[in-house]
PDB file of N, CA and C in Angstrom:
ATOM      1  N   GLN A   1       0.842  -1.196   0.000  1.00  0.00           N
ATOM      2  CA  GLN A   1       0.000   0.000   0.000  1.00  0.00           C
ATOM      3  C   GLN A   1       0.874   1.242   0.000  1.00  0.00           C
ATOM      4  N   VAL A   2       0.562   2.174  -0.871  1.00  0.00           N
ATOM      5  CA  VAL A   2       1.329   3.407  -0.974  1.00  0.00           C
ATOM      6  C   VAL A   2       0.934   4.337   0.159  1.00  0.00           C
ATOM      7  N   ASP A   3       1.934   4.843   0.872  1.00  0.00           N
ATOM      8  CA  ASP A   3       1.664   5.724   2.003  1.00  0.00           C
ATOM      9  C   ASP A   3       1.704   7.203   1.595  1.00  0.00           C
ATOM     10  N   VAL A   4       2.686   7.557   0.788  1.00  0.00           N
ATOM     11  CA  VAL A   4       2.812   8.934   0.331  1.00  0.00           C
ATOM     12  C   VAL A   4       3.233   8.949  -1.134  1.00  0.00           C
ATOM     13  N   VAL A   5       2.841   9.989  -1.838  1.00  0.00           N
ATOM     14  CA  VAL A   5       3.235  10.191  -3.220  1.00  0.00           C
ATOM     15  C   VAL A   5       3.761  11.612  -3.354  1.00  0.00           C
ATOM     16  N   GLU A   6       5.028  11.720  -3.768  1.00  0.00           N
ATOM     17  CA  GLU A   6       5.658  13.018  -3.934  1.00  0.00           C
ATOM     18  C   GLU A   6       5.552  13.472  -5.385  1.00  0.00           C
ATOM     19  N   SER A   7       5.493  14.780  -5.575  1.00  0.00           N
ATOM     20  CA  SER A   7       5.452  15.347  -6.921  1.00  0.00           C
ATOM     21  C   SER A   7       5.990  16.768  -6.884  1.00  0.00           C
ATOM     22  N   GLY A   8       6.193  17.318  -8.070  1.00  0.00           N
ATOM     23  CA  GLY A   8       6.603  18.709  -8.177  1.00  0.00           C
ATOM     24  C   GLY A   8       8.060  18.938  -8.498  1.00  0.00           C
ATOM     25  N   GLY A   9       8.828  17.870  -8.574  1.00  0.00           N
ATOM     26  CA  GLY A   9      10.232  18.033  -8.907  1.00  0.00           C
ATOM     27  C   GLY A   9      10.426  18.427 -10.366  1.00  0.00           C
ATOM     28  N   GLY A  10      11.673  18.725 -10.700  1.00  0.00           N
ATOM     29  CA  GLY A  10      11.976  19.100 -12.074  1.00  0.00           C
ATOM     30  C   GLY A  10      13.376  19.657 -12.190  1.00  0.00           C
ATOM     31  N   LEU A  11      13.632  20.245 -13.349  1.00  0.00           N
ATOM     32  CA  LEU A  11      14.925  20.859 -13.640  1.00  0.00           C
ATOM     33  C   LEU A  11      14.781  22.370 -13.517  1.00  0.00           C
ATOM     34  N   VAL A  12      15.669  22.968 -12.749  1.00  0.00           N
ATOM     35  CA  VAL A  12      15.606  24.413 -12.535  1.00  0.00           C
ATOM     36  C   VAL A  12      17.027  24.969 -12.498  1.00  0.00           C
ATOM     37  N   GLN A  13      17.173  26.215 -12.851  1.00  0.00           N
ATOM     38  CA  GLN A  13      18.482  26.856 -12.812  1.00  0.00           C
ATOM     39  C   GLN A  13      18.819  27.309 -11.393  1.00  0.00           C
ATOM     40  N   THR A  14      20.096  27.491 -11.143  1.00  0.00           N
ATOM     41  CA  THR A  14      20.540  28.032  -9.867  1.00  0.00           C
ATOM     42  C   THR A  14      19.810  29.337  -9.565  1.00  0.00           C
ATOM     43  N   GLY A  15      19.308  29.422  -8.332  1.00  0.00           N
ATOM     44  CA  GLY A  15      18.554  30.601  -7.928  1.00  0.00           C
ATOM     45  C   GLY A  15      17.061  30.475  -8.128  1.00  0.00           C
ATOM     46  N   GLY A  16      16.647  29.426  -8.801  1.00  0.00           N
ATOM     47  CA  GLY A  16      15.228  29.230  -9.075  1.00  0.00           C
ATOM     48  C   GLY A  16      14.475  28.637  -7.906  1.00  0.00           C
ATOM     49  N   SER A  17      13.198  28.380  -8.143  1.00  0.00           N
ATOM     50  CA  SER A  17      12.311  27.863  -7.097  1.00  0.00           C
ATOM     51  C   SER A  17      11.509  26.680  -7.604  1.00  0.00           C
ATOM     52  N   LEU A  18      11.154  25.827  -6.669  1.00  0.00           N
ATOM     53  CA  LEU A  18      10.231  24.726  -6.929  1.00  0.00           C
ATOM     54  C   LEU A  18       9.372  24.514  -5.691  1.00  0.00           C
ATOM     55  N   ARG A  19       8.188  23.999  -5.906  1.00  0.00           N
ATOM     56  CA  ARG A  19       7.321  23.629  -4.789  1.00  0.00           C
ATOM     57  C   ARG A  19       6.995  22.148  -4.897  1.00  0.00           C
ATOM     58  N   LEU A  20       7.440  21.392  -3.927  1.00  0.00           N
ATOM     59  CA  LEU A  20       7.160  19.965  -3.886  1.00  0.00           C
ATOM     60  C   LEU A  20       5.880  19.712  -3.103  1.00  0.00           C
ATOM     61  N   SER A  21       5.157  18.696  -3.527  1.00  0.00           N
ATOM     62  CA  SER A  21       3.933  18.294  -2.852  1.00  0.00           C
ATOM     63  C   SER A  21       4.031  16.839  -2.423  1.00  0.00           C
ATOM     64  N   CYS A  22       3.379  16.541  -1.328  1.00  0.00           N
ATOM     65  CA  CYS A  22       3.324  15.170  -0.806  1.00  0.00           C
ATOM     66  C   CYS A  22       1.874  14.859  -0.474  1.00  0.00           C
ATOM     67  N   ALA A  23       1.319  13.903  -1.182  1.00  0.00           N
ATOM     68  CA  ALA A  23      -0.055  13.476  -0.939  1.00  0.00           C
ATOM     69  C   ALA A  23      -0.022  12.195  -0.118  1.00  0.00           C
ATOM     70  N   ALA A  24      -0.605  12.239   1.057  1.00  0.00           N
ATOM     71  CA  ALA A  24      -0.601  11.080   1.944  1.00  0.00           C
ATOM     72  C   ALA A  24      -1.921  10.326   1.847  1.00  0.00           C
ATOM     73  N   SER A  25      -1.835   9.027   2.009  1.00  0.00           N
ATOM     74  CA  SER A  25      -3.056   8.222   2.064  1.00  0.00           C
ATOM     75  C   SER A  25      -3.541   8.239   3.512  1.00  0.00           C
ATOM     76  N   GLY A  26      -4.724   8.713   3.715  1.00  0.00           N
ATOM     77  CA  GLY A  26      -5.256   8.793   5.060  1.00  0.00           C
ATOM     78  C   GLY A  26      -4.831  10.061   5.783  1.00  0.00           C
ATOM     79  N   SER A  27      -5.371  10.244   6.940  1.00  0.00           N
ATOM     80  CA  SER A  27      -5.156  11.460   7.705  1.00  0.00           C
ATOM     81  C   SER A  27      -3.710  11.603   8.171  1.00  0.00           C
ATOM     82  N   ILE A  28      -3.212  12.832   8.124  1.00  0.00           N
ATOM     83  CA  ILE A  28      -1.872  13.147   8.627  1.00  0.00           C
ATOM     84  C   ILE A  28      -1.948  13.965   9.913  1.00  0.00           C
ATOM     85  N   SER A  29      -3.145  14.214  10.384  1.00  0.00           N
ATOM     86  CA  SER A  29      -3.322  15.159  11.494  1.00  0.00           C
ATOM     87  C   SER A  29      -2.608  14.716  12.774  1.00  0.00           C
ATOM     88  N   SER A  30      -2.341  13.432  12.914  1.00  0.00           N
ATOM     89  CA  SER A  30      -1.676  12.932  14.123  1.00  0.00           C
ATOM     90  C   SER A  30      -0.187  12.702  13.927  1.00  0.00           C
ATOM     91  N   ASN A  31       0.321  13.077  12.760  1.00  0.00           N
ATOM     92  CA  ASN A  31       1.714  12.787  12.431  1.00  0.00           C
ATOM     93  C   ASN A  31       2.556  14.024  12.240  1.00  0.00           C
ATOM     94  N   THR A  32       3.770  13.946  12.756  1.00  0.00           N
ATOM     95  CA  THR A  32       4.807  14.843  12.253  1.00  0.00           C
ATOM     96  C   THR A  32       5.131  14.392  10.837  1.00  0.00           C
ATOM     97  N   MET A  33       5.368  15.344   9.956  1.00  0.00           N
ATOM     98  CA  MET A  33       5.687  15.016   8.569  1.00  0.00           C
ATOM     99  C   MET A  33       7.054  15.599   8.227  1.00  0.00           C
ATOM    100  N   GLY A  34       7.828  14.827   7.483  1.00  0.00           N
ATOM    101  CA  GLY A  34       9.169  15.280   7.156  1.00  0.00           C
ATOM    102  C   GLY A  34       9.499  15.148   5.693  1.00  0.00           C
ATOM    103  N   TRP A  35      10.472  15.934   5.281  1.00  0.00           N
ATOM    104  CA  TRP A  35      11.064  15.816   3.948  1.00  0.00           C
ATOM    105  C   TRP A  35      12.524  15.390   4.118  1.00  0.00           C
ATOM    106  N   HIS A  36      12.938  14.485   3.266  1.00  0.00           N
ATOM    107  CA  HIS A  36      14.314  14.025   3.218  1.00  0.00           C
ATOM    108  C   HIS A  36      14.790  14.094   1.776  1.00  0.00           C
ATOM    109  N   ARG A  37      16.081  13.962   1.566  1.00  0.00           N
ATOM    110  CA  ARG A  37      16.593  13.915   0.206  1.00  0.00           C
ATOM    111  C   ARG A  37      17.803  13.004   0.115  1.00  0.00           C
ATOM    112  N   GLN A  38      18.031  12.498  -1.077  1.00  0.00           N
ATOM    113  CA  GLN A  38      19.187  11.645  -1.327  1.00  0.00           C
ATOM    114  C   GLN A  38      19.831  12.034  -2.637  1.00  0.00           C
ATOM    115  N   ALA A  39      21.049  12.528  -2.526  1.00  0.00           N
ATOM    116  CA  ALA A  39      21.823  12.904  -3.701  1.00  0.00           C
ATOM    117  C   ALA A  39      22.571  11.682  -4.221  1.00  0.00           C
ATOM    118  N   PRO A  40      22.938  11.693  -5.494  1.00  0.00           N
ATOM    119  CA  PRO A  40      23.658  10.550  -6.064  1.00  0.00           C
ATOM    120  C   PRO A  40      24.921  10.223  -5.273  1.00  0.00           C
ATOM    121  N   GLY A  41      25.073   8.961  -4.891  1.00  0.00           N
ATOM    122  CA  GLY A  41      26.252   8.520  -4.184  1.00  0.00           C
ATOM    123  C   GLY A  41      26.321   8.913  -2.721  1.00  0.00           C
ATOM    124  N   LYS A  42      25.244   9.503  -2.213  1.00  0.00           N
ATOM    125  CA  LYS A  42      25.243   9.941  -0.813  1.00  0.00           C
ATOM    126  C   LYS A  42      24.107   9.273  -0.039  1.00  0.00           C
ATOM    127  N   GLN A  43      24.204   9.330   1.277  1.00  0.00           N
ATOM    128  CA  GLN A  43      23.136   8.796   2.113  1.00  0.00           C
ATOM    129  C   GLN A  43      21.950   9.744   2.133  1.00  0.00           C
ATOM    130  N   ARG A  44      20.787   9.165   2.398  1.00  0.00           N
ATOM    131  CA  ARG A  44      19.596   9.990   2.536  1.00  0.00           C
ATOM    132  C   ARG A  44      19.760  10.882   3.761  1.00  0.00           C
ATOM    133  N   GLU A  45      19.344  12.135   3.626  1.00  0.00           N
ATOM    134  CA  GLU A  45      19.481  13.074   4.734  1.00  0.00           C
ATOM    135  C   GLU A  45      18.158  13.797   4.987  1.00  0.00           C
ATOM    136  N   TRP A  46      17.977  14.161   6.243  1.00  0.00           N
ATOM    137  CA  TRP A  46      16.787  14.890   6.639  1.00  0.00           C
ATOM    138  C   TRP A  46      16.895  16.336   6.176  1.00  0.00           C
ATOM    139  N   VAL A  47      15.781  16.908   5.723  1.00  0.00           N
ATOM    140  CA  VAL A  47      15.746  18.283   5.222  1.00  0.00           C
ATOM    141  C   VAL A  47      14.899  19.179   6.116  1.00  0.00           C
ATOM    142  N   ALA A  48      13.674  18.730   6.411  1.00  0.00           N
ATOM    143  CA  ALA A  48      12.759  19.581   7.168  1.00  0.00           C
ATOM    144  C   ALA A  48      11.676  18.718   7.782  1.00  0.00           C
ATOM    145  N   LEU A  49      11.056  19.239   8.857  1.00  0.00           N
ATOM    146  CA  LEU A  49       9.900  18.567   9.428  1.00  0.00           C
ATOM    147  C   LEU A  49       8.920  19.591   9.963  1.00  0.00           C
ATOM    148  N   ILE A  50       7.676  19.146  10.075  1.00  0.00           N
ATOM    149  CA  ILE A  50       6.632  19.986  10.640  1.00  0.00           C
ATOM    150  C   ILE A  50       5.813  19.121  11.584  1.00  0.00           C
ATOM    151  N   THR A  51       5.634  19.602  12.803  1.00  0.00           N
ATOM    152  CA  THR A  51       4.927  18.815  13.810  1.00  0.00           C
ATOM    153  C   THR A  51       3.412  18.984  13.663  1.00  0.00           C
ATOM    154  N   THR A  52       2.681  18.230  14.460  1.00  0.00           N
ATOM    155  CA  THR A  52       1.225  18.336  14.434  1.00  0.00           C
ATOM    156  C   THR A  52       0.767  19.728  14.859  1.00  0.00           C
ATOM    157  N   GLY A  53       1.558  20.379  15.679  1.00  0.00           N
ATOM    158  CA  GLY A  53       1.220  21.727  16.129  1.00  0.00           C
ATOM    159  C   GLY A  53       1.710  22.825  15.212  1.00  0.00           C
ATOM    160  N   GLY A  54       2.374  22.437  14.138  1.00  0.00           N
ATOM    161  CA  GLY A  54       2.840  23.420  13.173  1.00  0.00           C
ATOM    162  C   GLY A  54       4.250  23.929  13.395  1.00  0.00           C
ATOM    163  N   SER A  55       4.958  23.404  14.387  1.00  0.00           N
ATOM    164  CA  SER A  55       6.354  23.799  14.579  1.00  0.00           C
ATOM    165  C   SER A  55       7.200  23.237  13.441  1.00  0.00           C
ATOM    166  N   LYS A  56       8.167  24.026  13.021  1.00  0.00           N
ATOM    167  CA  LYS A  56       8.987  23.647  11.868  1.00  0.00           C
ATOM    168  C   LYS A  56      10.467  23.637  12.247  1.00  0.00           C
ATOM    169  N   LYS A  57      11.166  22.677  11.676  1.00  0.00           N
ATOM    170  CA  LYS A  57      12.611  22.606  11.859  1.00  0.00           C
ATOM    171  C   LYS A  57      13.248  22.319  10.509  1.00  0.00           C
ATOM    172  N   TYR A  58      14.467  22.846  10.326  1.00  0.00           N
ATOM    173  CA  TYR A  58      15.157  22.708   9.056  1.00  0.00           C
ATOM    174  C   TYR A  58      16.614  22.322   9.261  1.00  0.00           C
ATOM    175  N   ALA A  59      17.134  21.581   8.306  1.00  0.00           N
ATOM    176  CA  ALA A  59      18.567  21.339   8.275  1.00  0.00           C
ATOM    177  C   ALA A  59      19.272  22.662   8.009  1.00  0.00           C
ATOM    178  N   ASP A  60      20.458  22.811   8.554  1.00  0.00           N
ATOM    179  CA  ASP A  60      21.193  24.063   8.378  1.00  0.00           C
ATOM    180  C   ASP A  60      21.408  24.397   6.902  1.00  0.00           C
ATOM    181  N   SER A  61      21.560  23.369   6.090  1.00  0.00           N
ATOM    182  CA  SER A  61      21.867  23.588   4.674  1.00  0.00           C
ATOM    183  C   SER A  61      20.718  24.231   3.897  1.00  0.00           C
ATOM    184  N   VAL A  62      19.498  24.169   4.437  1.00  0.00           N
ATOM    185  CA  VAL A  62      18.354  24.721   3.710  1.00  0.00           C
ATOM    186  C   VAL A  62      17.654  25.835   4.473  1.00  0.00           C
ATOM    187  N   LYS A  63      18.096  26.090   5.693  1.00  0.00           N
ATOM    188  CA  LYS A  63      17.444  27.100   6.525  1.00  0.00           C
ATOM    189  C   LYS A  63      17.464  28.451   5.839  1.00  0.00           C
ATOM    190  N   GLY A  64      16.316  29.110   5.829  1.00  0.00           N
ATOM    191  CA  GLY A  64      16.199  30.410   5.187  1.00  0.00           C
ATOM    192  C   GLY A  64      15.857  30.351   3.711  1.00  0.00           C
ATOM    193  N   ARG A  65      15.926  29.160   3.121  1.00  0.00           N
ATOM    194  CA  ARG A  65      15.618  29.000   1.690  1.00  0.00           C
ATOM    195  C   ARG A  65      14.404  28.113   1.464  1.00  0.00           C
ATOM    196  N   PHE A  66      14.214  27.115   2.313  1.00  0.00           N
ATOM    197  CA  PHE A  66      13.109  26.171   2.169  1.00  0.00           C
ATOM    198  C   PHE A  66      12.056  26.441   3.237  1.00  0.00           C
ATOM    199  N   THR A  67      10.791  26.190   2.871  1.00  0.00           N
ATOM    200  CA  THR A  67       9.694  26.329   3.825  1.00  0.00           C
ATOM    201  C   THR A  67       8.782  25.113   3.727  1.00  0.00           C
ATOM    202  N   ILE A  68       8.570  24.452   4.851  1.00  0.00           N
ATOM    203  CA  ILE A  68       7.663  23.303   4.897  1.00  0.00           C
ATOM    204  C   ILE A  68       6.308  23.777   5.401  1.00  0.00           C
ATOM    205  N   SER A  69       5.250  23.190   4.862  1.00  0.00           N
ATOM    206  CA  SER A  69       3.903  23.520   5.307  1.00  0.00           C
ATOM    207  C   SER A  69       3.026  22.279   5.172  1.00  0.00           C
ATOM    208  N   ARG A  70       1.858  22.353   5.792  1.00  0.00           N
ATOM    209  CA  ARG A  70       0.957  21.221   5.736  1.00  0.00           C
ATOM    210  C   ARG A  70      -0.486  21.703   5.646  1.00  0.00           C
ATOM    211  N   ASP A  71      -1.326  20.855   5.050  1.00  0.00           N
ATOM    212  CA  ASP A  71      -2.762  21.104   4.985  1.00  0.00           C
ATOM    213  C   ASP A  71      -3.444  19.808   5.413  1.00  0.00           C
ATOM    214  N   ASN A  72      -3.824  19.758   6.678  1.00  0.00           N
ATOM    215  CA  ASN A  72      -4.422  18.524   7.205  1.00  0.00           C
ATOM    216  C   ASN A  72      -5.764  18.207   6.553  1.00  0.00           C
ATOM    217  N   THR A  73      -6.458  19.226   6.062  1.00  0.00           N
ATOM    218  CA  THR A  73      -7.765  18.982   5.445  1.00  0.00           C
ATOM    219  C   THR A  73      -7.620  18.224   4.126  1.00  0.00           C
ATOM    220  N   LYS A  74      -6.449  18.348   3.515  1.00  0.00           N
ATOM    221  CA  LYS A  74      -6.210  17.686   2.233  1.00  0.00           C
ATOM    222  C   LYS A  74      -5.202  16.546   2.360  1.00  0.00           C
ATOM    223  N   ASN A  75      -4.687  16.326   3.569  1.00  0.00           N
ATOM    224  CA  ASN A  75      -3.637  15.311   3.787  1.00  0.00           C
ATOM    225  C   ASN A  75      -2.430  15.576   2.895  1.00  0.00           C
ATOM    226  N   MET A  76      -2.025  16.839   2.843  1.00  0.00           N
ATOM    227  CA  MET A  76      -0.941  17.260   1.978  1.00  0.00           C
ATOM    228  C   MET A  76       0.161  17.944   2.782  1.00  0.00           C
ATOM    229  N   VAL A  77       1.379  17.743   2.326  1.00  0.00           N
ATOM    230  CA  VAL A  77       2.550  18.431   2.879  1.00  0.00           C
ATOM    231  C   VAL A  77       3.306  19.040   1.698  1.00  0.00           C
ATOM    232  N   TYR A  78       3.865  20.218   1.922  1.00  0.00           N
ATOM    233  CA  TYR A  78       4.536  20.928   0.846  1.00  0.00           C
ATOM    234  C   TYR A  78       5.947  21.327   1.271  1.00  0.00           C
ATOM    235  N   LEU A  79       6.791  21.500   0.270  1.00  0.00           N
ATOM    236  CA  LEU A  79       8.130  22.035   0.520  1.00  0.00           C
ATOM    237  C   LEU A  79       8.404  23.093  -0.543  1.00  0.00           C
ATOM    238  N   GLN A  80       8.356  24.347  -0.124  1.00  0.00           N
ATOM    239  CA  GLN A  80       8.695  25.454  -1.018  1.00  0.00           C
ATOM    240  C   GLN A  80      10.193  25.647  -0.968  1.00  0.00           C
ATOM    241  N   MET A  81      10.830  25.542  -2.114  1.00  0.00           N
ATOM    242  CA  MET A  81      12.279  25.643  -2.195  1.00  0.00           C
ATOM    243  C   MET A  81      12.656  26.852  -3.041  1.00  0.00           C
ATOM    244  N   ASN A  82      13.322  27.804  -2.430  1.00  0.00           N
ATOM    245  CA  ASN A  82      13.767  29.016  -3.109  1.00  0.00           C
ATOM    246  C   ASN A  82      15.295  29.087  -3.126  1.00  0.00           C
ATOM    247  N   SER A  83      15.810  29.946  -3.957  1.00  0.00           N
ATOM    248  CA  SER A  83      17.265  30.148  -4.050  1.00  0.00           C
ATOM    249  C   SER A  83      18.001  28.816  -4.170  1.00  0.00           C
ATOM    250  N   LEU A  84      17.530  27.996  -5.072  1.00  0.00           N
ATOM    251  CA  LEU A  84      18.086  26.654  -5.209  1.00  0.00           C
ATOM    252  C   LEU A  84      19.528  26.686  -5.698  1.00  0.00           C
ATOM    253  N   LYS A  85      20.280  25.710  -5.203  1.00  0.00           N
ATOM    254  CA  LYS A  85      21.700  25.594  -5.524  1.00  0.00           C
ATOM    255  C   LYS A  85      21.956  24.222  -6.150  1.00  0.00           C
ATOM    256  N   PRO A  86      23.019  24.070  -6.912  1.00  0.00           N
ATOM    257  CA  PRO A  86      23.329  22.748  -7.494  1.00  0.00           C
ATOM    258  C   PRO A  86      23.425  21.650  -6.431  1.00  0.00           C
ATOM    259  N   GLU A  87      23.872  21.982  -5.253  1.00  0.00           N
ATOM    260  CA  GLU A  87      23.988  20.977  -4.181  1.00  0.00           C
ATOM    261  C   GLU A  87      22.638  20.540  -3.620  1.00  0.00           C
ATOM    262  N   ASP A  88      21.561  21.187  -4.050  1.00  0.00           N
ATOM    263  CA  ASP A  88      20.221  20.740  -3.667  1.00  0.00           C
ATOM    264  C   ASP A  88      19.719  19.619  -4.588  1.00  0.00           C
ATOM    265  N   THR A  89      20.463  19.324  -5.626  1.00  0.00           N
ATOM    266  CA  THR A  89      20.082  18.252  -6.543  1.00  0.00           C
ATOM    267  C   THR A  89      20.008  16.925  -5.808  1.00  0.00           C
ATOM    268  N   ALA A  90      18.841  16.286  -5.883  1.00  0.00           N
ATOM    269  CA  ALA A  90      18.608  15.041  -5.153  1.00  0.00           C
ATOM    270  C   ALA A  90      17.209  14.529  -5.479  1.00  0.00           C
ATOM    271  N   VAL A  91      16.944  13.311  -5.046  1.00  0.00           N
ATOM    272  CA  VAL A  91      15.575  12.813  -5.014  1.00  0.00           C
ATOM    273  C   VAL A  91      15.011  13.176  -3.649  1.00  0.00           C
ATOM    274  N   TYR A  92      13.854  13.811  -3.649  1.00  0.00           N
ATOM    275  CA  TYR A  92      13.234  14.276  -2.414  1.00  0.00           C
ATOM    276  C   TYR A  92      12.092  13.335  -2.019  1.00  0.00           C
ATOM    277  N   TYR A  93      12.079  12.999  -0.738  1.00  0.00           N
ATOM    278  CA  TYR A  93      11.117  12.056  -0.204  1.00  0.00           C
ATOM    279  C   TYR A  93      10.347  12.677   0.965  1.00  0.00           C
ATOM    280  N   CYS A  94       9.089  12.309   1.040  1.00  0.00           N
ATOM    281  CA  CYS A  94       8.231  12.703   2.147  1.00  0.00           C
ATOM    282  C   CYS A  94       8.060  11.493   3.069  1.00  0.00           C
ATOM    283  N   LEU A  95       7.905  11.749   4.357  1.00  0.00           N
ATOM    284  CA  LEU A  95       7.749  10.631   5.290  1.00  0.00           C
ATOM    285  C   LEU A  95       6.835  11.001   6.431  1.00  0.00           C
ATOM    286  N   ARG A  96       5.931  10.109   6.731  1.00  0.00           N
ATOM    287  CA  ARG A  96       5.037  10.238   7.886  1.00  0.00           C
ATOM    288  C   ARG A  96       5.785   9.722   9.118  1.00  0.00           C
ATOM    289  N   ILE A  97       5.763  10.472  10.187  1.00  0.00           N
ATOM    290  CA  ILE A  97       6.475  10.100  11.408  1.00  0.00           C
ATOM    291  C   ILE A  97       5.508  10.042  12.574  1.00  0.00           C
ATOM    292  N   PRO A  98       5.400   8.905  13.297  1.00  0.00           N
ATOM    293  CA  PRO A  98       6.056   7.624  13.040  1.00  0.00           C
ATOM    294  C   PRO A  98       5.226   6.736  12.118  1.00  0.00           C
ATOM    295  N   GLY A  99       5.825   5.651  11.755  1.00  0.00           N
ATOM    296  CA  GLY A  99       5.065   4.588  11.106  1.00  0.00           C
ATOM    297  C   GLY A  99       4.897   4.688   9.616  1.00  0.00           C
ATOM    298  N   GLY A 100       5.484   5.724   8.992  1.00  0.00           N
ATOM    299  CA  GLY A 100       5.310   5.851   7.557  1.00  0.00           C
ATOM    300  C   GLY A 100       6.276   4.997   6.766  1.00  0.00           C
ATOM    301  N   SER A 101       6.031   4.915   5.478  1.00  0.00           N
ATOM    302  CA  SER A 101       6.935   4.232   4.576  1.00  0.00           C
ATOM    303  C   SER A 101       7.319   5.175   3.447  1.00  0.00           C
ATOM    304  N   TRP A 102       8.475   4.940   2.880  1.00  0.00           N
ATOM    305  CA  TRP A 102       8.996   5.828   1.850  1.00  0.00           C
ATOM    306  C   TRP A 102       8.179   5.731   0.575  1.00  0.00           C
ATOM    307  N   GLY A 103       8.000   6.872  -0.087  1.00  0.00           N
ATOM    308  CA  GLY A 103       7.406   6.887  -1.406  1.00  0.00           C
ATOM    309  C   GLY A 103       8.473   6.725  -2.468  1.00  0.00           C
ATOM    310  N   GLN A 104       8.089   7.024  -3.705  1.00  0.00           N
ATOM    311  CA  GLN A 104       9.038   6.871  -4.806  1.00  0.00           C
ATOM    312  C   GLN A 104       9.940   8.083  -4.965  1.00  0.00           C
ATOM    313  N   GLY A 105       9.578   9.160  -4.309  1.00  0.00           N
ATOM    314  CA  GLY A 105      10.374  10.374  -4.383  1.00  0.00           C
ATOM    315  C   GLY A 105      10.125  11.172  -5.649  1.00  0.00           C
ATOM    316  N   THR A 106      10.652  12.382  -5.652  1.00  0.00           N
ATOM    317  CA  THR A 106      10.563  13.242  -6.822  1.00  0.00           C
ATOM    318  C   THR A 106      11.934  13.868  -7.061  1.00  0.00           C
ATOM    319  N   GLN A 107      12.379  13.839  -8.308  1.00  0.00           N
ATOM    320  CA  GLN A 107      13.735  14.287  -8.645  1.00  0.00           C
ATOM    321  C   GLN A 107      13.785  15.805  -8.783  1.00  0.00           C
ATOM    322  N   VAL A 108      14.742  16.401  -8.109  1.00  0.00           N
ATOM    323  CA  VAL A 108      15.028  17.831  -8.252  1.00  0.00           C
ATOM    324  C   VAL A 108      16.448  17.958  -8.785  1.00  0.00           C
ATOM    325  N   THR A 109      16.573  18.666  -9.895  1.00  0.00           N
ATOM    326  CA  THR A 109      17.882  18.891 -10.489  1.00  0.00           C
ATOM    327  C   THR A 109      18.089  20.386 -10.663  1.00  0.00           C
ATOM    328  N   VAL A 110      19.173  20.886 -10.090  1.00  0.00           N
ATOM    329  CA  VAL A 110      19.489  22.308 -10.168  1.00  0.00           C
ATOM    330  C   VAL A 110      20.741  22.462 -11.011  1.00  0.00           C
ATOM    331  N   SER A 111      20.600  23.152 -12.128  1.00  0.00           N
ATOM    332  CA  SER A 111      21.733  23.332 -13.038  1.00  0.00           C
ATOM    333  C   SER A 111      22.496  24.603 -12.677  1.00  0.00           C
ATOM    334  N   SER A 112      23.794  24.532 -12.908  1.00  0.00           N
ATOM    335  CA  SER A 112      24.646  25.688 -12.572  1.00  0.00           C
ATOM    336  C   SER A 112      24.780  26.623 -13.751  1.00  0.00           C
TER     337      SER A 112
END
């Protein structure tokens, strides 16, 4: 059973923006939701999370550039990414915490 489906990735130039979406199956209102990413040849790393109360935390590498948000009425989580850099190139994954399973991810490629 698919738990989350990510979308919104693409190819963008340095300095550009993208908005990623995560559609969850079932209610997310009781879950912290997170975004992670995995660059080629690297381990998957945490990017951002948003708690049930709306508190947000970010990895230092994206702080001030990325914004996570959620819409519990639609079971959706978003990641607004601004001022993108080539080092942001990765497959981005959404995850329900706890108990979620990884989706297929969405590819983000930032050209220099």
